[in-house]
Amino acid sequence: MSFIFHELQDIFFERLKYFLLTEDFTIDSMNAIDLKDLKINNWRILFPEGLEQMALSFDKWQSKKTMDEMVVLSEKLENPQSKTQKISIALEIKIMKILPKNVFLKQQAFFALFKNHFIALESASYFCDILWRSLDDQSLDFSFYTKRISLFFIYVVIVFFYCGDRSENYIDTKEFIKDSLNNFSSLAILKEKIKTKINIQDIPILRYIF
């Protein structure tokens, strides 16, 4: 039963990814999704705790798909990649490829609501944790936490950057991912990089950070 339940959730998320191309991330929009072919009357059957549970599960689903795609892509590459290269690949897939950009923006707008900050934190933390685990991280000491905290910060900053990126094929975001991983220990470098590439005033939340 649990397997079937998760299969139905996966089907729902695949539909949601395209449904949100034209609809907003709201309860009313979710109620409009037709699930009759799945023998389900309402999306709440899959997510009884409501929109917040669905949004968190949707982002975790994206994280899992990222790991799957990262494995496939890594197998196609001839030369072994370093951990930094694998993290770069994962960040690019998760942020730039799993969802169409306008859907990604709608999801981030939902996470940006004050009442949803804990959901946003949990979703980002989940991604950082499974990414490190996929790299066979065996840390048992304090570095277990520092690695995840560092990656968490990088991930969040890159998300903000991508939201404001208007470069062709988002090449600036791809470069920013590489620069961020090379310079993650220097907050000042990241700040200056952001300021030179995008207009901080276009993204309200960045005005509070920078």
C-alpha atoms as a PDB file:
ATOM      1  CA  MET A   1       0.000   0.000   0.000  1.00  0.00           C
ATOM      2  CA  SER A   2       2.807   2.393   0.885  1.00  0.00           C
ATOM      3  CA  PHE A   3       4.524   1.709  -2.452  1.00  0.00           C
ATOM      4  CA  ILE A   4       1.339   2.461  -4.381  1.00  0.00           C
ATOM      5  CA  PHE A   5       0.836   5.631  -2.332  1.00  0.00           C
ATOM      6  CA  HIS A   6       4.296   6.918  -3.228  1.00  0.00           C
ATOM      7  CA  GLU A   7       3.772   5.971  -6.870  1.00  0.00           C
ATOM      8  CA  LEU A   8       0.623   8.094  -6.916  1.00  0.00           C
ATOM      9  CA  GLN A   9       2.517  10.981  -5.364  1.00  0.00           C
ATOM     10  CA  ASP A  10       5.185  10.713  -8.073  1.00  0.00           C
ATOM     11  CA  ILE A  11       2.527  10.829 -10.787  1.00  0.00           C
ATOM     12  CA  PHE A  12       0.935  13.828  -9.089  1.00  0.00           C
ATOM     13  CA  PHE A  13       4.252  15.696  -8.972  1.00  0.00           C
ATOM     14  CA  GLU A  14       4.950  15.022 -12.651  1.00  0.00           C
ATOM     15  CA  ARG A  15       1.599  16.583 -13.480  1.00  0.00           C
ATOM     16  CA  LEU A  16       2.075  19.413 -11.021  1.00  0.00           C
ATOM     17  CA  LYS A  17       5.355  20.398 -12.685  1.00  0.00           C
ATOM     18  CA  TYR A  18       3.486  21.254 -15.887  1.00  0.00           C
ATOM     19  CA  PHE A  19       0.238  22.360 -14.272  1.00  0.00           C
ATOM     20  CA  LEU A  20       2.106  25.174 -12.522  1.00  0.00           C
ATOM     21  CA  LEU A  21       3.284  26.549 -15.854  1.00  0.00           C
ATOM     22  CA  THR A  22      -0.030  28.395 -16.052  1.00  0.00           C
ATOM     23  CA  GLU A  23      -1.401  28.164 -12.511  1.00  0.00           C
ATOM     24  CA  ASP A  24      -0.352  29.534  -9.132  1.00  0.00           C
ATOM     25  CA  PHE A  25       0.884  27.656  -6.081  1.00  0.00           C
ATOM     26  CA  THR A  26      -2.417  27.930  -4.177  1.00  0.00           C
ATOM     27  CA  ILE A  27      -5.021  25.631  -2.668  1.00  0.00           C
ATOM     28  CA  ASP A  28      -7.607  26.678  -5.261  1.00  0.00           C
ATOM     29  CA  SER A  29      -5.219  25.769  -8.064  1.00  0.00           C
ATOM     30  CA  MET A  30      -4.438  22.399  -6.504  1.00  0.00           C
ATOM     31  CA  ASN A  31      -8.159  21.670  -6.255  1.00  0.00           C
ATOM     32  CA  ALA A  32      -8.435  22.129 -10.019  1.00  0.00           C
ATOM     33  CA  ILE A  33      -6.042  19.275 -10.820  1.00  0.00           C
ATOM     34  CA  ASP A  34      -7.968  16.357 -12.310  1.00  0.00           C
ATOM     35  CA  LEU A  35      -6.975  13.084 -10.631  1.00  0.00           C
ATOM     36  CA  LYS A  36      -9.997  10.970 -11.515  1.00  0.00           C
ATOM     37  CA  ASP A  37      -7.939   8.631 -13.686  1.00  0.00           C
ATOM     38  CA  LEU A  38      -5.927   7.811 -10.551  1.00  0.00           C
ATOM     39  CA  LYS A  39      -9.139   7.010  -8.659  1.00  0.00           C
ATOM     40  CA  ILE A  40      -8.492   9.986  -6.391  1.00  0.00           C
ATOM     41  CA  ASN A  41     -11.102  12.667  -5.766  1.00  0.00           C
ATOM     42  CA  ASN A  42      -8.782  15.265  -4.274  1.00  0.00           C
ATOM     43  CA  TRP A  43      -5.054  15.919  -3.870  1.00  0.00           C
ATOM     44  CA  ARG A  44      -5.553  16.075  -0.089  1.00  0.00           C
ATOM     45  CA  ILE A  45      -5.883  12.306  -0.050  1.00  0.00           C
ATOM     46  CA  LEU A  46      -2.188  12.189  -0.927  1.00  0.00           C
ATOM     47  CA  PHE A  47      -1.279  15.106   1.357  1.00  0.00           C
ATOM     48  CA  PRO A  48      -3.725  15.164   4.285  1.00  0.00           C
ATOM     49  CA  GLU A  49      -1.760  17.892   6.107  1.00  0.00           C
ATOM     50  CA  GLY A  50      -2.447  20.363   3.331  1.00  0.00           C
ATOM     51  CA  LEU A  51      -0.560  22.607   0.935  1.00  0.00           C
ATOM     52  CA  GLU A  52       2.531  22.909   3.140  1.00  0.00           C
ATOM     53  CA  GLN A  53       3.018  19.137   3.251  1.00  0.00           C
ATOM     54  CA  MET A  54       2.525  18.924  -0.493  1.00  0.00           C
ATOM     55  CA  ALA A  55       5.034  21.732  -1.159  1.00  0.00           C
ATOM     56  CA  LEU A  56       7.679  20.109   1.041  1.00  0.00           C
ATOM     57  CA  SER A  57       7.103  16.686  -0.504  1.00  0.00           C
ATOM     58  CA  PHE A  58       7.264  18.231  -3.977  1.00  0.00           C
ATOM     59  CA  ASP A  59      10.675  19.744  -3.276  1.00  0.00           C
ATOM     60  CA  LYS A  60      11.972  16.502  -1.756  1.00  0.00           C
ATOM     61  CA  TRP A  61      10.790  14.724  -4.896  1.00  0.00           C
ATOM     62  CA  GLN A  62      12.869  17.177  -6.932  1.00  0.00           C
ATOM     63  CA  SER A  63      15.889  16.427  -4.737  1.00  0.00           C
ATOM     64  CA  LYS A  64      15.517  12.697  -5.302  1.00  0.00           C
ATOM     65  CA  LYS A  65      15.175  13.173  -9.058  1.00  0.00           C
ATOM     66  CA  THR A  66      18.323  15.282  -8.939  1.00  0.00           C
ATOM     67  CA  MET A  67      20.257  12.435  -7.349  1.00  0.00           C
ATOM     68  CA  ASP A  68      18.959   9.994  -9.970  1.00  0.00           C
ATOM     69  CA  GLU A  69      19.924  12.280 -12.848  1.00  0.00           C
ATOM     70  CA  MET A  70      23.312  13.002 -11.299  1.00  0.00           C
ATOM     71  CA  VAL A  71      24.110   9.280 -11.231  1.00  0.00           C
ATOM     72  CA  VAL A  72      23.095   8.851 -14.876  1.00  0.00           C
ATOM     73  CA  LEU A  73      25.105  11.882 -15.987  1.00  0.00           C
ATOM     74  CA  SER A  74      28.166  10.854 -13.982  1.00  0.00           C
ATOM     75  CA  GLU A  75      28.156   7.424 -15.616  1.00  0.00           C
ATOM     76  CA  LYS A  76      28.235   9.028 -19.065  1.00  0.00           C
ATOM     77  CA  LEU A  77      31.324  11.088 -18.277  1.00  0.00           C
ATOM     78  CA  GLU A  78      34.611   9.380 -19.075  1.00  0.00           C
ATOM     79  CA  ASN A  79      36.779  10.905 -16.368  1.00  0.00           C
ATOM     80  CA  PRO A  80      36.009  10.504 -12.646  1.00  0.00           C
ATOM     81  CA  GLN A  81      34.670  13.668 -11.044  1.00  0.00           C
ATOM     82  CA  SER A  82      35.798  15.177  -7.787  1.00  0.00           C
ATOM     83  CA  LYS A  83      33.269  15.780  -5.034  1.00  0.00           C
ATOM     84  CA  THR A  84      33.229  19.462  -5.933  1.00  0.00           C
ATOM     85  CA  GLN A  85      32.402  18.635  -9.551  1.00  0.00           C
ATOM     86  CA  LYS A  86      29.607  16.297  -8.475  1.00  0.00           C
ATOM     87  CA  ILE A  87      28.159  18.945  -6.176  1.00  0.00           C
ATOM     88  CA  SER A  88      28.296  21.440  -9.041  1.00  0.00           C
ATOM     89  CA  ILE A  89      26.417  19.025 -11.288  1.00  0.00           C
ATOM     90  CA  ALA A  90      23.801  18.375  -8.613  1.00  0.00           C
ATOM     91  CA  LEU A  91      23.232  22.076  -7.941  1.00  0.00           C
ATOM     92  CA  GLU A  92      22.785  22.790 -11.632  1.00  0.00           C
ATOM     93  CA  ILE A  93      20.303  19.944 -12.037  1.00  0.00           C
ATOM     94  CA  LYS A  94      18.276  20.738  -8.916  1.00  0.00           C
ATOM     95  CA  ILE A  95      18.040  24.477  -9.439  1.00  0.00           C
ATOM     96  CA  MET A  96      18.042  24.822 -13.216  1.00  0.00           C
ATOM     97  CA  LYS A  97      16.783  21.618 -14.832  1.00  0.00           C
ATOM     98  CA  ILE A  98      14.200  19.751 -12.765  1.00  0.00           C
ATOM     99  CA  LEU A  99      11.547  22.471 -13.043  1.00  0.00           C
ATOM    100  CA  PRO A 100      10.835  25.057 -15.742  1.00  0.00           C
ATOM    101  CA  LYS A 101      12.075  28.404 -14.453  1.00  0.00           C
ATOM    102  CA  ASN A 102       8.679  30.049 -14.040  1.00  0.00           C
ATOM    103  CA  VAL A 103       7.511  27.052 -12.004  1.00  0.00           C
ATOM    104  CA  PHE A 104      10.687  27.236  -9.922  1.00  0.00           C
ATOM    105  CA  LEU A 105       9.996  30.931  -9.280  1.00  0.00           C
ATOM    106  CA  LYS A 106       6.451  30.179  -8.137  1.00  0.00           C
ATOM    107  CA  GLN A 107       7.753  27.554  -5.744  1.00  0.00           C
ATOM    108  CA  GLN A 108      10.344  29.946  -4.313  1.00  0.00           C
ATOM    109  CA  ALA A 109       7.694  32.658  -3.941  1.00  0.00           C
ATOM    110  CA  PHE A 110       5.665  30.188  -1.884  1.00  0.00           C
ATOM    111  CA  PHE A 111       8.689  29.347   0.271  1.00  0.00           C
ATOM    112  CA  ALA A 112       9.423  33.064   0.725  1.00  0.00           C
ATOM    113  CA  LEU A 113       6.160  33.629   2.596  1.00  0.00           C
ATOM    114  CA  PHE A 114       6.931  34.138   6.277  1.00  0.00           C
ATOM    115  CA  LYS A 115       4.645  31.297   7.369  1.00  0.00           C
ATOM    116  CA  ASN A 116       6.537  28.904   5.077  1.00  0.00           C
ATOM    117  CA  HIS A 117      10.107  29.687   6.147  1.00  0.00           C
ATOM    118  CA  PHE A 118      10.434  26.461   8.144  1.00  0.00           C
ATOM    119  CA  ILE A 119       9.314  24.459   5.122  1.00  0.00           C
ATOM    120  CA  ALA A 120      11.916  26.228   3.001  1.00  0.00           C
ATOM    121  CA  LEU A 121      14.621  25.496   5.570  1.00  0.00           C
ATOM    122  CA  GLU A 122      13.655  21.839   5.795  1.00  0.00           C
ATOM    123  CA  SER A 123      13.565  21.372   2.027  1.00  0.00           C
ATOM    124  CA  ALA A 124      16.996  22.972   1.541  1.00  0.00           C
ATOM    125  CA  SER A 125      18.456  21.000   4.456  1.00  0.00           C
ATOM    126  CA  TYR A 126      17.067  17.769   3.038  1.00  0.00           C
ATOM    127  CA  PHE A 127      18.682  18.398  -0.346  1.00  0.00           C
ATOM    128  CA  CYS A 128      22.061  19.207   1.204  1.00  0.00           C
ATOM    129  CA  ASP A 129      21.947  16.103   3.382  1.00  0.00           C
ATOM    130  CA  ILE A 130      21.080  13.597   0.657  1.00  0.00           C
ATOM    131  CA  LEU A 131      23.639  15.194  -1.649  1.00  0.00           C
ATOM    132  CA  TRP A 132      26.422  14.663   0.891  1.00  0.00           C
ATOM    133  CA  ARG A 133      25.182  11.129   1.543  1.00  0.00           C
ATOM    134  CA  SER A 134      25.263  10.408  -2.188  1.00  0.00           C
ATOM    135  CA  LEU A 135      28.944  11.362  -2.076  1.00  0.00           C
ATOM    136  CA  ASP A 136      29.539   8.691   0.588  1.00  0.00           C
ATOM    137  CA  ASP A 137      30.245  11.225   3.296  1.00  0.00           C
ATOM    138  CA  GLN A 138      31.370   9.248   6.355  1.00  0.00           C
ATOM    139  CA  SER A 139      31.788  12.190   8.722  1.00  0.00           C
ATOM    140  CA  LEU A 140      30.858  11.484  12.321  1.00  0.00           C
ATOM    141  CA  ASP A 141      32.390  14.513  13.995  1.00  0.00           C
ATOM    142  CA  PHE A 142      31.535  18.212  13.804  1.00  0.00           C
ATOM    143  CA  SER A 143      32.435  18.278  10.101  1.00  0.00           C
ATOM    144  CA  PHE A 144      29.200  16.354   9.479  1.00  0.00           C
ATOM    145  CA  TYR A 145      27.349  19.561  10.332  1.00  0.00           C
ATOM    146  CA  THR A 146      29.798  22.087   8.905  1.00  0.00           C
ATOM    147  CA  LYS A 147      29.710  20.424   5.482  1.00  0.00           C
ATOM    148  CA  ARG A 148      25.936  20.589   5.387  1.00  0.00           C
ATOM    149  CA  ILE A 149      25.769  24.134   6.721  1.00  0.00           C
ATOM    150  CA  SER A 150      28.293  25.317   4.132  1.00  0.00           C
ATOM    151  CA  LEU A 151      26.428  23.606   1.308  1.00  0.00           C
ATOM    152  CA  PHE A 152      23.128  24.937   2.649  1.00  0.00           C
ATOM    153  CA  PHE A 153      24.423  28.505   2.438  1.00  0.00           C
ATOM    154  CA  ILE A 154      25.780  27.983  -1.076  1.00  0.00           C
ATOM    155  CA  TYR A 155      22.519  26.402  -2.227  1.00  0.00           C
ATOM    156  CA  VAL A 156      20.338  29.225  -0.892  1.00  0.00           C
ATOM    157  CA  VAL A 157      22.530  31.953  -2.384  1.00  0.00           C
ATOM    158  CA  ILE A 158      22.566  30.220  -5.780  1.00  0.00           C
ATOM    159  CA  VAL A 159      18.770  29.916  -5.685  1.00  0.00           C
ATOM    160  CA  PHE A 160      18.510  33.662  -5.085  1.00  0.00           C
ATOM    161  CA  PHE A 161      20.983  34.341  -7.877  1.00  0.00           C
ATOM    162  CA  TYR A 162      19.145  32.120 -10.359  1.00  0.00           C
ATOM    163  CA  CYS A 163      15.821  33.796  -9.568  1.00  0.00           C
ATOM    164  CA  GLY A 164      17.258  37.096 -10.759  1.00  0.00           C
ATOM    165  CA  ASP A 165      19.418  35.780 -13.604  1.00  0.00           C
ATOM    166  CA  ARG A 166      18.451  37.092 -17.050  1.00  0.00           C
ATOM    167  CA  SER A 167      21.527  35.916 -18.939  1.00  0.00           C
ATOM    168  CA  GLU A 168      21.183  33.781 -22.064  1.00  0.00           C
ATOM    169  CA  ASN A 169      20.630  30.133 -21.103  1.00  0.00           C
ATOM    170  CA  TYR A 170      21.394  31.283 -17.532  1.00  0.00           C
ATOM    171  CA  ILE A 171      25.097  31.038 -18.199  1.00  0.00           C
ATOM    172  CA  ASP A 172      25.764  33.461 -15.333  1.00  0.00           C
ATOM    173  CA  THR A 173      24.178  31.030 -12.876  1.00  0.00           C
ATOM    174  CA  LYS A 174      26.323  28.173 -14.168  1.00  0.00           C
ATOM    175  CA  GLU A 175      29.437  30.270 -13.675  1.00  0.00           C
ATOM    176  CA  PHE A 176      28.212  31.417 -10.279  1.00  0.00           C
ATOM    177  CA  ILE A 177      27.781  27.820  -9.134  1.00  0.00           C
ATOM    178  CA  LYS A 178      31.409  27.079  -9.972  1.00  0.00           C
ATOM    179  CA  ASP A 179      32.631  30.301  -8.367  1.00  0.00           C
ATOM    180  CA  SER A 180      30.561  29.682  -5.243  1.00  0.00           C
ATOM    181  CA  LEU A 181      32.021  26.235  -4.721  1.00  0.00           C
ATOM    182  CA  ASN A 182      35.532  27.563  -5.222  1.00  0.00           C
ATOM    183  CA  ASN A 183      35.040  30.531  -2.937  1.00  0.00           C
ATOM    184  CA  PHE A 184      32.376  29.400  -0.471  1.00  0.00           C
ATOM    185  CA  SER A 185      34.588  30.304   2.471  1.00  0.00           C
ATOM    186  CA  SER A 186      34.518  33.958   1.470  1.00  0.00           C
ATOM    187  CA  LEU A 187      31.128  35.583   1.948  1.00  0.00           C
ATOM    188  CA  ALA A 188      32.497  38.878   0.678  1.00  0.00           C
ATOM    189  CA  ILE A 189      33.424  37.361  -2.687  1.00  0.00           C
ATOM    190  CA  LEU A 190      29.949  35.894  -3.101  1.00  0.00           C
ATOM    191  CA  LYS A 191      28.311  39.195  -2.231  1.00  0.00           C
ATOM    192  CA  GLU A 192      30.332  41.121  -4.785  1.00  0.00           C
ATOM    193  CA  LYS A 193      29.726  38.482  -7.437  1.00  0.00           C
ATOM    194  CA  ILE A 194      25.966  38.763  -6.940  1.00  0.00           C
ATOM    195  CA  LYS A 195      26.014  42.557  -7.040  1.00  0.00           C
ATOM    196  CA  THR A 196      27.896  42.633 -10.342  1.00  0.00           C
ATOM    197  CA  LYS A 197      25.625  40.122 -12.074  1.00  0.00           C
ATOM    198  CA  ILE A 198      22.067  40.978 -11.006  1.00  0.00           C
ATOM    199  CA  ASN A 199      20.086  43.935  -9.752  1.00  0.00           C
ATOM    200  CA  ILE A 200      19.632  43.410  -6.005  1.00  0.00           C
ATOM    201  CA  GLN A 201      16.628  45.748  -6.008  1.00  0.00           C
ATOM    202  CA  ASP A 202      14.726  43.314  -8.245  1.00  0.00           C
ATOM    203  CA  ILE A 203      14.634  40.688  -5.481  1.00  0.00           C
ATOM    204  CA  PRO A 204      13.314  42.047  -2.152  1.00  0.00           C
ATOM    205  CA  ILE A 205      14.745  39.286   0.015  1.00  0.00           C
ATOM    206  CA  LEU A 206      18.261  39.967  -1.292  1.00  0.00           C
ATOM    207  CA  ARG A 207      18.010  43.595  -0.184  1.00  0.00           C
ATOM    208  CA  TYR A 208      17.823  42.386   3.414  1.00  0.00           C
ATOM    209  CA  ILE A 209      20.873  40.142   2.999  1.00  0.00           C
ATOM    210  CA  PHE A 210      23.110  42.482   1.034  1.00  0.00           C
END
